[in-house]
Amino acid sequence: MKRHNAFTLIELLVVISIIAILAGFALPIFARSQERAKAQNCMNNLNQLGKGFVQYLNDSDDSMFSIKSTGDDTWPKVLQRKYVTGWQTFRSPFDKVTNERPKEESGNVPISYGINEKLFDTLKSRWVAPTSKLIFAAPAVEKTPGSVIKWQSDAFATQNCKITGGGEAGGFGTHLERDMLNVLFADAHTEQITVKTFSDVNSENGKERWDPMYERESK
């Protein structure tokens, strides 16, 4: 009697079920791996921006570009011309391409990172002495809870982006369940910190992270 080697319907269903179960285990692991890769790319962007800021300041006798610069004198364009040449560095890998924030290769690329406005002397455009405690820049995300990451509207254009502490204590991070952010400090080192730490502007440590004048006065 001739034997057929084809799978029966039950066998096929069992195989499909096993594949579905394995896929269910694999997909979350793959998603977490992707998120870690994005977080590392974001950190690399901040490292490159930090190096660009340091080189710019060294070449400019510690004079900082004005917080109110417009046109070709905005901080991304100033850095991109000589110090951070790749526009992709100015866009976070978490900053998804949308109609409002399209993919661009030119100076119109949406800027994902914001600068701490308190680092500027707005009258003299002077730089405050760098320290390891003072936040310089971070992803410019909306400070409202939610499952979707939203980027500050003023980070859309190549204008000065403002990052200040405050807002909700959670929900606006870029990774690890939106509870973590990558941050560039004034001495050009980068760290991954919690949203709660980033938002703190009221404690002594929080004020020292955000306000260079407070740091000076407390010494």
Protein backbone atom coordinates (compact mmCIF):
# COMPACT_ATOMS: atom_id res chain seq x y z
CA MET A 1 0.00 0.00 0.00
CA LYS A 2 1.39 3.35 -1.05
CA ARG A 3 1.98 5.76 1.88
CA HIS A 4 1.47 9.51 1.46
CA ASN A 5 4.05 11.75 3.22
CA ALA A 6 1.90 14.88 3.27
CA PHE A 7 1.05 16.57 6.60
CA THR A 8 -2.41 16.09 7.98
CA LEU A 9 -4.49 19.15 8.84
CA ILE A 10 -3.94 18.55 12.56
CA GLU A 11 -0.17 18.33 12.07
CA LEU A 12 -0.17 21.56 10.10
CA LEU A 13 -2.15 23.33 12.80
CA VAL A 14 0.28 22.08 15.44
CA VAL A 15 3.28 23.34 13.45
CA ILE A 16 1.62 26.71 12.86
CA SER A 17 0.81 27.00 16.57
CA ILE A 18 4.41 26.24 17.54
CA ILE A 19 5.71 28.86 15.07
CA ALA A 20 3.24 31.42 16.43
CA ILE A 21 4.35 30.74 20.00
CA LEU A 22 8.03 31.05 19.07
CA ALA A 23 7.31 34.28 17.20
CA GLY A 24 5.50 35.59 20.26
CA PHE A 25 8.66 35.06 22.30
CA ALA A 26 10.99 36.43 19.64
CA LEU A 27 9.19 39.65 18.69
CA PRO A 28 9.48 41.37 22.11
CA ILE A 29 13.18 40.47 22.24
CA PHE A 30 13.65 41.89 18.74
CA ALA A 31 11.76 45.06 19.69
CA ARG A 32 13.91 45.55 22.79
CA SER A 33 17.05 45.04 20.72
CA GLN A 34 15.88 47.67 18.26
CA GLU A 35 15.16 50.08 21.09
CA ARG A 36 18.62 49.56 22.60
CA ALA A 37 20.16 50.19 19.19
CA LYS A 38 18.17 53.42 18.80
CA ALA A 39 19.15 54.53 22.31
CA GLN A 40 22.81 53.95 21.47
CA ASN A 41 22.49 55.87 18.19
CA CYS A 42 20.82 58.72 20.08
CA MET A 43 23.71 58.72 22.55
CA ASN A 44 26.19 58.77 19.67
CA ASN A 45 24.39 61.81 18.22
CA LEU A 46 24.70 63.67 21.52
CA ASN A 47 28.37 62.72 21.76
CA GLN A 48 28.99 64.16 18.30
CA LEU A 49 27.07 67.33 19.16
CA GLY A 50 29.06 67.65 22.38
CA LYS A 51 32.34 67.43 20.49
CA GLY A 52 31.05 70.01 18.02
CA PHE A 53 30.08 72.41 20.81
CA VAL A 54 33.51 72.06 22.46
CA GLN A 55 35.35 72.69 19.19
CA TYR A 56 33.15 75.68 18.41
CA LEU A 57 33.79 77.21 21.84
CA ASN A 58 37.53 76.61 21.56
CA ASP A 59 37.54 78.42 18.22
CA SER A 60 35.33 81.25 19.51
CA ASP A 61 37.10 82.22 22.74
CA ASP A 62 34.24 80.65 24.73
CA SER A 63 31.68 82.90 23.03
CA MET A 64 28.41 81.08 22.40
CA PHE A 65 26.06 81.62 19.48
CA SER A 66 23.10 83.79 20.44
CA ILE A 67 19.97 82.13 21.79
CA LYS A 68 17.96 84.35 19.42
CA SER A 69 19.88 83.57 16.25
CA THR A 70 17.84 83.08 13.10
CA GLY A 71 18.43 82.06 9.49
CA ASP A 72 21.92 80.77 8.82
CA ASP A 73 23.07 81.65 12.34
CA THR A 74 20.90 79.16 14.20
CA TRP A 75 22.92 76.75 16.32
CA PRO A 76 22.37 73.65 14.13
CA LYS A 77 23.51 75.48 11.00
CA VAL A 78 26.49 77.00 12.81
CA LEU A 79 27.63 73.56 13.96
CA GLN A 80 26.83 71.80 10.70
CA ARG A 81 28.92 74.13 8.56
CA LYS A 82 32.18 73.09 10.21
CA TYR A 83 31.88 70.97 13.33
CA VAL A 84 29.09 68.37 12.91
CA THR A 85 28.74 67.97 9.17
CA GLY A 86 26.15 65.18 8.97
CA TRP A 87 22.58 66.43 9.30
CA GLN A 88 21.48 62.97 10.47
CA THR A 89 23.29 63.68 13.75
CA PHE A 90 20.75 66.38 14.56
CA ARG A 91 17.81 63.95 14.34
CA SER A 92 17.10 61.32 16.97
CA PRO A 93 16.44 57.77 15.74
CA PHE A 94 13.31 57.92 17.92
CA ASP A 95 12.06 60.93 15.93
CA LYS A 96 9.86 59.12 13.42
CA VAL A 97 9.42 60.35 9.87
CA THR A 98 5.95 61.87 9.41
CA ASN A 99 4.37 64.44 7.12
CA GLU A 100 4.96 67.04 9.83
CA ARG A 101 8.56 65.89 10.41
CA PRO A 102 9.71 64.63 7.00
CA LYS A 103 12.99 62.96 6.16
CA GLU A 104 15.39 65.60 4.89
CA GLU A 105 19.08 65.64 4.00
CA SER A 106 19.43 69.42 4.03
CA GLY A 107 19.31 72.17 6.62
CA ASN A 108 15.54 71.80 6.84
CA VAL A 109 15.89 68.49 8.67
CA PRO A 110 13.78 68.45 11.85
CA ILE A 111 16.04 69.05 14.85
CA SER A 112 15.44 66.53 17.62
CA TYR A 113 17.69 67.95 20.32
CA GLY A 114 17.21 70.99 22.52
CA ILE A 115 19.65 73.22 24.37
CA ASN A 116 19.34 74.35 27.97
CA GLU A 117 18.49 78.03 27.53
CA LYS A 118 20.06 78.94 30.89
CA LEU A 119 23.52 78.20 29.53
CA PHE A 120 23.41 81.40 27.52
CA ASP A 121 24.10 84.93 28.62
CA THR A 122 21.51 86.36 26.24
CA LEU A 123 23.09 89.83 26.28
CA LYS A 124 26.70 88.86 25.71
CA SER A 125 26.21 85.37 24.22
CA ARG A 126 28.78 84.09 26.66
CA TRP A 127 29.30 80.49 27.67
CA VAL A 128 29.07 79.42 31.29
CA ALA A 129 32.05 77.38 32.53
CA PRO A 130 31.34 73.68 31.85
CA THR A 131 30.76 71.23 34.69
CA SER A 132 29.87 67.56 34.94
CA LYS A 133 26.59 68.39 36.72
CA LEU A 134 25.07 70.91 34.32
CA ILE A 135 22.70 69.68 31.58
CA PHE A 136 23.52 71.10 28.17
CA ALA A 137 21.18 69.32 25.74
CA ALA A 138 18.72 66.43 25.46
CA PRO A 139 16.06 65.06 23.11
CA ALA A 140 13.46 67.82 22.74
CA VAL A 141 10.38 65.78 23.55
CA GLU A 142 7.01 66.95 24.79
CA LYS A 143 6.63 66.90 28.57
CA THR A 144 3.23 65.21 28.58
CA PRO A 145 2.49 61.56 29.36
CA GLY A 146 1.43 59.29 26.54
CA SER A 147 2.34 56.19 24.59
CA VAL A 148 3.51 58.14 21.53
CA ILE A 149 6.66 60.22 21.69
CA LYS A 150 5.96 63.81 20.66
CA TRP A 151 8.67 66.28 19.75
CA GLN A 152 8.63 69.91 20.78
CA SER A 153 7.22 72.13 18.08
CA ASP A 154 10.24 74.45 18.18
CA ALA A 155 12.48 71.48 17.48
CA PHE A 156 10.81 71.20 14.07
CA ALA A 157 12.78 74.06 12.56
CA THR A 158 16.47 74.90 12.71
CA GLN A 159 15.86 77.44 15.44
CA ASN A 160 17.16 77.40 18.97
CA CYS A 161 15.40 74.62 20.84
CA LYS A 162 14.74 75.19 24.51
CA ILE A 163 15.04 72.48 27.11
CA THR A 164 14.06 73.33 30.64
CA GLY A 165 13.16 71.15 33.57
CA GLY A 166 9.60 70.76 34.74
CA GLY A 167 6.47 69.09 33.53
CA GLU A 168 5.26 65.63 34.36
CA ALA A 169 7.61 63.28 36.18
CA GLY A 170 7.08 60.46 33.69
CA GLY A 171 5.86 59.58 30.25
CA PHE A 172 8.07 61.65 27.94
CA GLY A 173 11.24 59.60 27.78
CA THR A 174 12.52 58.06 24.58
CA HIS A 175 13.18 54.49 25.72
CA LEU A 176 12.77 51.86 28.45
CA GLU A 177 9.02 52.35 28.69
CA ARG A 178 9.50 56.07 28.10
CA ASP A 179 11.14 56.49 31.47
CA MET A 180 14.68 57.23 30.26
CA LEU A 181 16.41 59.99 28.29
CA ASN A 182 19.93 60.46 26.96
CA VAL A 183 21.43 63.73 28.15
CA LEU A 184 24.51 65.75 27.18
CA PHE A 185 26.20 67.57 30.04
CA ALA A 186 28.14 70.81 29.82
CA ASP A 187 31.50 69.07 30.11
CA ALA A 188 30.53 67.10 26.94
CA HIS A 189 29.95 63.74 28.64
CA THR A 190 26.68 61.90 28.07
CA GLU A 191 24.49 59.90 30.41
CA GLN A 192 21.22 58.00 30.41
CA ILE A 193 18.99 59.43 33.13
CA THR A 194 15.43 58.94 34.30
CA VAL A 195 12.67 61.32 33.30
CA LYS A 196 12.09 62.00 36.99
CA THR A 197 15.70 63.14 37.41
CA PHE A 198 15.53 65.19 34.22
CA SER A 199 12.33 66.92 35.35
CA ASP A 200 13.61 67.86 38.78
CA VAL A 201 14.18 71.62 39.04
CA ASN A 202 13.20 72.12 42.67
CA SER A 203 15.73 70.16 44.70
CA GLU A 204 19.28 71.36 45.24
CA ASN A 205 20.66 68.72 42.89
CA GLY A 206 17.99 69.55 40.33
CA LYS A 207 18.79 73.25 40.36
CA GLU A 208 22.49 72.47 40.00
CA ARG A 209 21.72 70.35 36.94
CA TRP A 210 19.76 73.12 35.21
CA ASP A 211 20.88 76.54 36.40
CA PRO A 212 24.54 77.59 36.23
CA MET A 213 23.78 80.73 38.25
CA TYR A 214 22.46 78.59 41.10
CA GLU A 215 25.62 76.51 40.93
CA ARG A 216 27.77 79.62 41.16
CA GLU A 217 25.77 81.06 44.02
CA SER A 218 25.85 77.81 45.98
CA LYS A 219 29.65 77.64 46.00
